[in-house]
Amino acid sequence: MLGLKHPNIVKIEGYGADGLVKKPSGREIKKLVYIMLEHVSGGLLFDLCQTLGGMGEDAGRFFLTQLLDVIAYM
């Protein structure tokens, strides 16, 4: 994943297996596996579909073309 360079693929900024979460109660959860991704504004495609419902043929074609381009690249 680190080697993938494409405008439609979110970049991995870092990863590890030493993550730590501190709960408000004071409890700690250690040794969590994590992946840090670049920030992407605009939200998720899933959320957009939930908000808009059907998005029409033109929008569907737009997103499908982007997905197929990424799959071909990979």
PDB file of N, CA and C in Angstrom:
ATOM      1  N   MET A   1       0.820  -1.197   0.000  1.00  0.00           N
ATOM      2  CA  MET A   1       0.000   0.000   0.000  1.00  0.00           C
ATOM      3  C   MET A   1       0.866   1.264   0.000  1.00  0.00           C
ATOM      4  N   LEU A   2       2.014   1.197   0.662  1.00  0.00           N
ATOM      5  CA  LEU A   2       2.860   2.395   0.711  1.00  0.00           C
ATOM      6  C   LEU A   2       3.365   2.801  -0.666  1.00  0.00           C
ATOM      7  N   GLY A   3       3.482   1.856  -1.586  1.00  0.00           N
ATOM      8  CA  GLY A   3       4.017   2.150  -2.906  1.00  0.00           C
ATOM      9  C   GLY A   3       2.986   2.670  -3.902  1.00  0.00           C
ATOM     10  N   LEU A   4       1.715   2.676  -3.531  1.00  0.00           N
ATOM     11  CA  LEU A   4       0.677   3.111  -4.464  1.00  0.00           C
ATOM     12  C   LEU A   4       0.615   4.636  -4.504  1.00  0.00           C
ATOM     13  N   LYS A   5       0.761   5.198  -5.699  1.00  0.00           N
ATOM     14  CA  LYS A   5       0.709   6.648  -5.895  1.00  0.00           C
ATOM     15  C   LYS A   5      -0.321   6.943  -6.973  1.00  0.00           C
ATOM     16  N   HIS A   6      -1.514   7.294  -6.559  1.00  0.00           N
ATOM     17  CA  HIS A   6      -2.609   7.572  -7.490  1.00  0.00           C
ATOM     18  C   HIS A   6      -3.493   8.642  -6.855  1.00  0.00           C
ATOM     19  N   PRO A   7      -4.009   9.570  -7.640  1.00  0.00           N
ATOM     20  CA  PRO A   7      -4.813  10.649  -7.054  1.00  0.00           C
ATOM     21  C   PRO A   7      -6.098  10.172  -6.360  1.00  0.00           C
ATOM     22  N   ASN A   8      -6.584   8.995  -6.697  1.00  0.00           N
ATOM     23  CA  ASN A   8      -7.820   8.505  -6.094  1.00  0.00           C
ATOM     24  C   ASN A   8      -7.586   7.450  -5.017  1.00  0.00           C
ATOM     25  N   ILE A   9      -6.350   7.297  -4.562  1.00  0.00           N
ATOM     26  CA  ILE A   9      -6.034   6.375  -3.468  1.00  0.00           C
ATOM     27  C   ILE A   9      -5.514   7.196  -2.294  1.00  0.00           C
ATOM     28  N   VAL A  10      -6.143   7.019  -1.132  1.00  0.00           N
ATOM     29  CA  VAL A  10      -5.722   7.733   0.072  1.00  0.00           C
ATOM     30  C   VAL A  10      -4.352   7.215   0.483  1.00  0.00           C
ATOM     31  N   LYS A  11      -3.446   8.143   0.771  1.00  0.00           N
ATOM     32  CA  LYS A  11      -2.070   7.776   1.115  1.00  0.00           C
ATOM     33  C   LYS A  11      -1.960   7.345   2.579  1.00  0.00           C
ATOM     34  N   ILE A  12      -1.111   6.357   2.820  1.00  0.00           N
ATOM     35  CA  ILE A  12      -0.801   5.922   4.180  1.00  0.00           C
ATOM     36  C   ILE A  12       0.329   6.807   4.701  1.00  0.00           C
ATOM     37  N   GLU A  13       0.077   7.470   5.822  1.00  0.00           N
ATOM     38  CA  GLU A  13       1.081   8.343   6.429  1.00  0.00           C
ATOM     39  C   GLU A  13       1.952   7.587   7.434  1.00  0.00           C
ATOM     40  N   GLY A  14       1.419   6.515   7.994  1.00  0.00           N
ATOM     41  CA  GLY A  14       2.174   5.736   8.963  1.00  0.00           C
ATOM     42  C   GLY A  14       1.354   4.568   9.455  1.00  0.00           C
ATOM     43  N   TYR A  15       2.013   3.676  10.185  1.00  0.00           N
ATOM     44  CA  TYR A  15       1.333   2.507  10.731  1.00  0.00           C
ATOM     45  C   TYR A  15       2.164   1.947  11.871  1.00  0.00           C
ATOM     46  N   GLY A  16       1.562   1.074  12.649  1.00  0.00           N
ATOM     47  CA  GLY A  16       2.311   0.470  13.741  1.00  0.00           C
ATOM     48  C   GLY A  16       1.459  -0.507  14.529  1.00  0.00           C
ATOM     49  N   ALA A  17       2.064  -1.087  15.528  1.00  0.00           N
ATOM     50  CA  ALA A  17       1.382  -2.037  16.400  1.00  0.00           C
ATOM     51  C   ALA A  17       1.557  -1.648  17.858  1.00  0.00           C
ATOM     52  N   ASP A  18       1.875  -0.377  18.098  1.00  0.00           N
ATOM     53  CA  ASP A  18       2.126   0.094  19.455  1.00  0.00           C
ATOM     54  C   ASP A  18       1.125   1.180  19.861  1.00  0.00           C
ATOM     55  N   GLY A  19      -0.078   1.123  19.293  1.00  0.00           N
ATOM     56  CA  GLY A  19      -1.092   2.129  19.597  1.00  0.00           C
ATOM     57  C   GLY A  19      -1.563   2.042  21.039  1.00  0.00           C
ATOM     58  N   LEU A  20      -2.022   3.178  21.552  1.00  0.00           N
ATOM     59  CA  LEU A  20      -2.469   3.265  22.936  1.00  0.00           C
ATOM     60  C   LEU A  20      -3.724   4.134  22.983  1.00  0.00           C
ATOM     61  N   VAL A  21      -4.754   3.647  23.680  1.00  0.00           N
ATOM     62  CA  VAL A  21      -5.976   4.419  23.907  1.00  0.00           C
ATOM     63  C   VAL A  21      -6.159   4.550  25.411  1.00  0.00           C
ATOM     64  N   LYS A  22      -6.387   5.784  25.852  1.00  0.00           N
ATOM     65  CA  LYS A  22      -6.676   6.035  27.263  1.00  0.00           C
ATOM     66  C   LYS A  22      -8.145   6.406  27.380  1.00  0.00           C
ATOM     67  N   LYS A  23      -8.889   5.579  28.093  1.00  0.00           N
ATOM     68  CA  LYS A  23     -10.324   5.793  28.295  1.00  0.00           C
ATOM     69  C   LYS A  23     -10.542   6.877  29.355  1.00  0.00           C
ATOM     70  N   PRO A  24     -11.707   7.551  29.326  1.00  0.00           N
ATOM     71  CA  PRO A  24     -12.003   8.557  30.356  1.00  0.00           C
ATOM     72  C   PRO A  24     -11.935   7.983  31.777  1.00  0.00           C
ATOM     73  N   SER A  25     -12.175   6.691  31.898  1.00  0.00           N
ATOM     74  CA  SER A  25     -12.116   6.044  33.217  1.00  0.00           C
ATOM     75  C   SER A  25     -10.684   5.878  33.716  1.00  0.00           C
ATOM     76  N   GLY A  26      -9.711   6.114  32.825  1.00  0.00           N
ATOM     77  CA  GLY A  26      -8.313   5.929  33.192  1.00  0.00           C
ATOM     78  C   GLY A  26      -7.737   4.616  32.692  1.00  0.00           C
ATOM     79  N   ARG A  27      -8.606   3.730  32.225  1.00  0.00           N
ATOM     80  CA  ARG A  27      -8.158   2.433  31.699  1.00  0.00           C
ATOM     81  C   ARG A  27      -7.371   2.648  30.406  1.00  0.00           C
ATOM     82  N   GLU A  28      -6.300   1.891  30.225  1.00  0.00           N
ATOM     83  CA  GLU A  28      -5.479   1.975  29.024  1.00  0.00           C
ATOM     84  C   GLU A  28      -5.581   0.688  28.219  1.00  0.00           C
ATOM     85  N   ILE A  29      -5.713   0.845  26.922  1.00  0.00           N
ATOM     86  CA  ILE A  29      -5.678  -0.299  26.006  1.00  0.00           C
ATOM     87  C   ILE A  29      -4.404  -0.144  25.199  1.00  0.00           C
ATOM     88  N   LYS A  30      -3.510  -1.123  25.316  1.00  0.00           N
ATOM     89  CA  LYS A  30      -2.184  -1.026  24.711  1.00  0.00           C
ATOM     90  C   LYS A  30      -2.035  -1.988  23.539  1.00  0.00           C
ATOM     91  N   LYS A  31      -0.966  -1.782  22.790  1.00  0.00           N
ATOM     92  CA  LYS A  31      -0.559  -2.648  21.678  1.00  0.00           C
ATOM     93  C   LYS A  31      -1.629  -2.771  20.597  1.00  0.00           C
ATOM     94  N   LEU A  32      -2.277  -1.653  20.275  1.00  0.00           N
ATOM     95  CA  LEU A  32      -3.268  -1.649  19.211  1.00  0.00           C
ATOM     96  C   LEU A  32      -2.591  -1.463  17.859  1.00  0.00           C
ATOM     97  N   VAL A  33      -3.065  -2.177  16.865  1.00  0.00           N
ATOM     98  CA  VAL A  33      -2.577  -2.010  15.495  1.00  0.00           C
ATOM     99  C   VAL A  33      -3.309  -0.816  14.893  1.00  0.00           C
ATOM    100  N   TYR A  34      -2.592   0.055  14.194  1.00  0.00           N
ATOM    101  CA  TYR A  34      -3.206   1.243  13.610  1.00  0.00           C
ATOM    102  C   TYR A  34      -2.605   1.569  12.243  1.00  0.00           C
ATOM    103  N   ILE A  35      -3.376   2.292  11.456  1.00  0.00           N
ATOM    104  CA  ILE A  35      -2.927   2.841  10.173  1.00  0.00           C
ATOM    105  C   ILE A  35      -3.338   4.307  10.158  1.00  0.00           C
ATOM    106  N   MET A  36      -2.398   5.210   9.900  1.00  0.00           N
ATOM    107  CA  MET A  36      -2.692   6.631   9.780  1.00  0.00           C
ATOM    108  C   MET A  36      -2.804   6.966   8.293  1.00  0.00           C
ATOM    109  N   LEU A  37      -3.930   7.554   7.910  1.00  0.00           N
ATOM    110  CA  LEU A  37      -4.172   7.924   6.522  1.00  0.00           C
ATOM    111  C   LEU A  37      -4.165   9.438   6.382  1.00  0.00           C
ATOM    112  N   GLU A  38      -3.879   9.919   5.176  1.00  0.00           N
ATOM    113  CA  GLU A  38      -3.934  11.356   4.930  1.00  0.00           C
ATOM    114  C   GLU A  38      -5.367  11.848   5.127  1.00  0.00           C
ATOM    115  N   HIS A  39      -5.502  13.114   5.500  1.00  0.00           N
ATOM    116  CA  HIS A  39      -6.831  13.708   5.666  1.00  0.00           C
ATOM    117  C   HIS A  39      -7.421  13.991   4.287  1.00  0.00           C
ATOM    118  N   VAL A  40      -8.653  13.579   4.111  1.00  0.00           N
ATOM    119  CA  VAL A  40      -9.365  13.843   2.857  1.00  0.00           C
ATOM    120  C   VAL A  40     -10.661  14.551   3.221  1.00  0.00           C
ATOM    121  N   SER A  41     -10.822  15.768   2.735  1.00  0.00           N
ATOM    122  CA  SER A  41     -12.045  16.504   3.036  1.00  0.00           C
ATOM    123  C   SER A  41     -13.178  16.038   2.125  1.00  0.00           C
ATOM    124  N   GLY A  42     -14.391  16.299   2.536  1.00  0.00           N
ATOM    125  CA  GLY A  42     -15.536  15.989   1.694  1.00  0.00           C
ATOM    126  C   GLY A  42     -16.336  14.788   2.149  1.00  0.00           C
ATOM    127  N   GLY A  43     -15.831  13.988   3.054  1.00  0.00           N
ATOM    128  CA  GLY A  43     -16.595  12.859   3.564  1.00  0.00           C
ATOM    129  C   GLY A  43     -16.439  11.600   2.737  1.00  0.00           C
ATOM    130  N   LEU A  44     -17.209  10.598   3.111  1.00  0.00           N
ATOM    131  CA  LEU A  44     -17.143   9.286   2.484  1.00  0.00           C
ATOM    132  C   LEU A  44     -18.201   9.148   1.397  1.00  0.00           C
ATOM    133  N   LEU A  45     -17.893   8.366   0.377  1.00  0.00           N
ATOM    134  CA  LEU A  45     -18.863   8.087  -0.676  1.00  0.00           C
ATOM    135  C   LEU A  45     -20.094   7.415  -0.084  1.00  0.00           C
ATOM    136  N   PHE A  46     -19.898   6.525   0.881  1.00  0.00           N
ATOM    137  CA  PHE A  46     -21.020   5.854   1.528  1.00  0.00           C
ATOM    138  C   PHE A  46     -21.975   6.870   2.159  1.00  0.00           C
ATOM    139  N   ASP A  47     -21.416   7.854   2.882  1.00  0.00           N
ATOM    140  CA  ASP A  47     -22.247   8.873   3.522  1.00  0.00           C
ATOM    141  C   ASP A  47     -22.987   9.718   2.489  1.00  0.00           C
ATOM    142  N   LEU A  48     -22.330  10.030   1.394  1.00  0.00           N
ATOM    143  CA  LEU A  48     -22.968  10.786   0.320  1.00  0.00           C
ATOM    144  C   LEU A  48     -24.166  10.024  -0.233  1.00  0.00           C
ATOM    145  N   CYS A  49     -23.990   8.728  -0.444  1.00  0.00           N
ATOM    146  CA  CYS A  49     -25.088   7.893  -0.949  1.00  0.00           C
ATOM    147  C   CYS A  49     -26.227   7.828   0.057  1.00  0.00           C
ATOM    148  N   GLN A  50     -25.911   7.750   1.345  1.00  0.00           N
ATOM    149  CA  GLN A  50     -26.949   7.714   2.373  1.00  0.00           C
ATOM    150  C   GLN A  50     -27.735   9.022   2.420  1.00  0.00           C
ATOM    151  N   THR A  51     -27.030  10.146   2.227  1.00  0.00           N
ATOM    152  CA  THR A  51     -27.666  11.457   2.297  1.00  0.00           C
ATOM    153  C   THR A  51     -28.528  11.730   1.071  1.00  0.00           C
ATOM    154  N   LEU A  52     -27.980  11.450  -0.106  1.00  0.00           N
ATOM    155  CA  LEU A  52     -28.675  11.784  -1.342  1.00  0.00           C
ATOM    156  C   LEU A  52     -29.646  10.721  -1.807  1.00  0.00           C
ATOM    157  N   GLY A  53     -29.474   9.500  -1.342  1.00  0.00           N
ATOM    158  CA  GLY A  53     -30.260   8.397  -1.890  1.00  0.00           C
ATOM    159  C   GLY A  53     -29.721   8.084  -3.273  1.00  0.00           C
ATOM    160  N   GLY A  54     -30.599   7.962  -4.258  1.00  0.00           N
ATOM    161  CA  GLY A  54     -30.141   7.752  -5.632  1.00  0.00           C
ATOM    162  C   GLY A  54     -29.459   9.000  -6.170  1.00  0.00           C
ATOM    163  N   MET A  55     -28.358   8.821  -6.877  1.00  0.00           N
ATOM    164  CA  MET A  55     -27.629  10.000  -7.343  1.00  0.00           C
ATOM    165  C   MET A  55     -27.697  10.187  -8.853  1.00  0.00           C
ATOM    166  N   GLY A  56     -28.342   9.305  -9.543  1.00  0.00           N
ATOM    167  CA  GLY A  56     -28.496   9.493 -10.981  1.00  0.00           C
ATOM    168  C   GLY A  56     -27.389   8.839 -11.791  1.00  0.00           C
ATOM    169  N   GLU A  57     -27.655   8.717 -13.075  1.00  0.00           N
ATOM    170  CA  GLU A  57     -26.736   8.008 -13.966  1.00  0.00           C
ATOM    171  C   GLU A  57     -25.409   8.738 -14.164  1.00  0.00           C
ATOM    172  N   ASP A  58     -25.449  10.062 -14.298  1.00  0.00           N
ATOM    173  CA  ASP A  58     -24.204  10.817 -14.529  1.00  0.00           C
ATOM    174  C   ASP A  58     -23.255  10.726 -13.339  1.00  0.00           C
ATOM    175  N   ALA A  59     -23.780  10.899 -12.141  1.00  0.00           N
ATOM    176  CA  ALA A  59     -22.929  10.809 -10.946  1.00  0.00           C
ATOM    177  C   ALA A  59     -22.431   9.385 -10.757  1.00  0.00           C
ATOM    178  N   GLY A  60     -23.301   8.418 -10.989  1.00  0.00           N
ATOM    179  CA  GLY A  60     -22.889   7.017 -10.881  1.00  0.00           C
ATOM    180  C   GLY A  60     -21.780   6.684 -11.854  1.00  0.00           C
ATOM    181  N   ARG A  61     -21.890   7.186 -13.090  1.00  0.00           N
ATOM    182  CA  ARG A  61     -20.862   6.959 -14.105  1.00  0.00           C
ATOM    183  C   ARG A  61     -19.539   7.615 -13.680  1.00  0.00           C
ATOM    184  N   PHE A  62     -19.625   8.813 -13.102  1.00  0.00           N
ATOM    185  CA  PHE A  62     -18.435   9.535 -12.639  1.00  0.00           C
ATOM    186  C   PHE A  62     -17.674   8.716 -11.594  1.00  0.00           C
ATOM    187  N   PHE A  63     -18.392   8.242 -10.563  1.00  0.00           N
ATOM    188  CA  PHE A  63     -17.737   7.479  -9.499  1.00  0.00           C
ATOM    189  C   PHE A  63     -17.259   6.117  -9.988  1.00  0.00           C
ATOM    190  N   LEU A  64     -18.033   5.466 -10.821  1.00  0.00           N
ATOM    191  CA  LEU A  64     -17.631   4.167 -11.348  1.00  0.00           C
ATOM    192  C   LEU A  64     -16.369   4.296 -12.195  1.00  0.00           C
ATOM    193  N   THR A  65     -16.272   5.351 -12.996  1.00  0.00           N
ATOM    194  CA  THR A  65     -15.073   5.582 -13.812  1.00  0.00           C
ATOM    195  C   THR A  65     -13.844   5.751 -12.925  1.00  0.00           C
ATOM    196  N   GLN A  66     -13.987   6.494 -11.827  1.00  0.00           N
ATOM    197  CA  GLN A  66     -12.863   6.672 -10.902  1.00  0.00           C
ATOM    198  C   GLN A  66     -12.470   5.343 -10.259  1.00  0.00           C
ATOM    199  N   LEU A  67     -13.445   4.564  -9.840  1.00  0.00           N
ATOM    200  CA  LEU A  67     -13.153   3.271  -9.222  1.00  0.00           C
ATOM    201  C   LEU A  67     -12.460   2.327 -10.198  1.00  0.00           C
ATOM    202  N   LEU A  68     -12.938   2.279 -11.423  1.00  0.00           N
ATOM    203  CA  LEU A  68     -12.316   1.400 -12.423  1.00  0.00           C
ATOM    204  C   LEU A  68     -10.896   1.849 -12.747  1.00  0.00           C
ATOM    205  N   ASP A  69     -10.656   3.161 -12.758  1.00  0.00           N
ATOM    206  CA  ASP A  69      -9.316   3.686 -12.998  1.00  0.00           C
ATOM    207  C   ASP A  69      -8.358   3.235 -11.896  1.00  0.00           C
ATOM    208  N   VAL A  70      -8.802   3.273 -10.654  1.00  0.00           N
ATOM    209  CA  VAL A  70      -7.968   2.836  -9.521  1.00  0.00           C
ATOM    210  C   VAL A  70      -7.709   1.338  -9.600  1.00  0.00           C
ATOM    211  N   ILE A  71      -8.740   0.566  -9.914  1.00  0.00           N
ATOM    212  CA  ILE A  71      -8.564  -0.886 -10.016  1.00  0.00           C
ATOM    213  C   ILE A  71      -7.582  -1.230 -11.131  1.00  0.00           C
ATOM    214  N   ALA A  72      -7.681  -0.553 -12.257  1.00  0.00           N
ATOM    215  CA  ALA A  72      -6.737  -0.798 -13.358  1.00  0.00           C
ATOM    216  C   ALA A  72      -5.312  -0.442 -12.938  1.00  0.00           C
ATOM    217  N   TYR A  73      -5.158   0.647 -12.191  1.00  0.00           N
ATOM    218  CA  TYR A  73      -3.837   1.051 -11.711  1.00  0.00           C
ATOM    219  C   TYR A  73      -3.241   0.009 -10.774  1.00  0.00           C
ATOM    220  N   MET A  74      -4.089  -0.474  -9.850  1.00  0.00           N
ATOM    221  CA  MET A  74      -3.597  -1.433  -8.866  1.00  0.00           C
ATOM    222  C   MET A  74      -3.243  -2.745  -9.532  1.00  0.00           C
TER     223      MET A  74
END
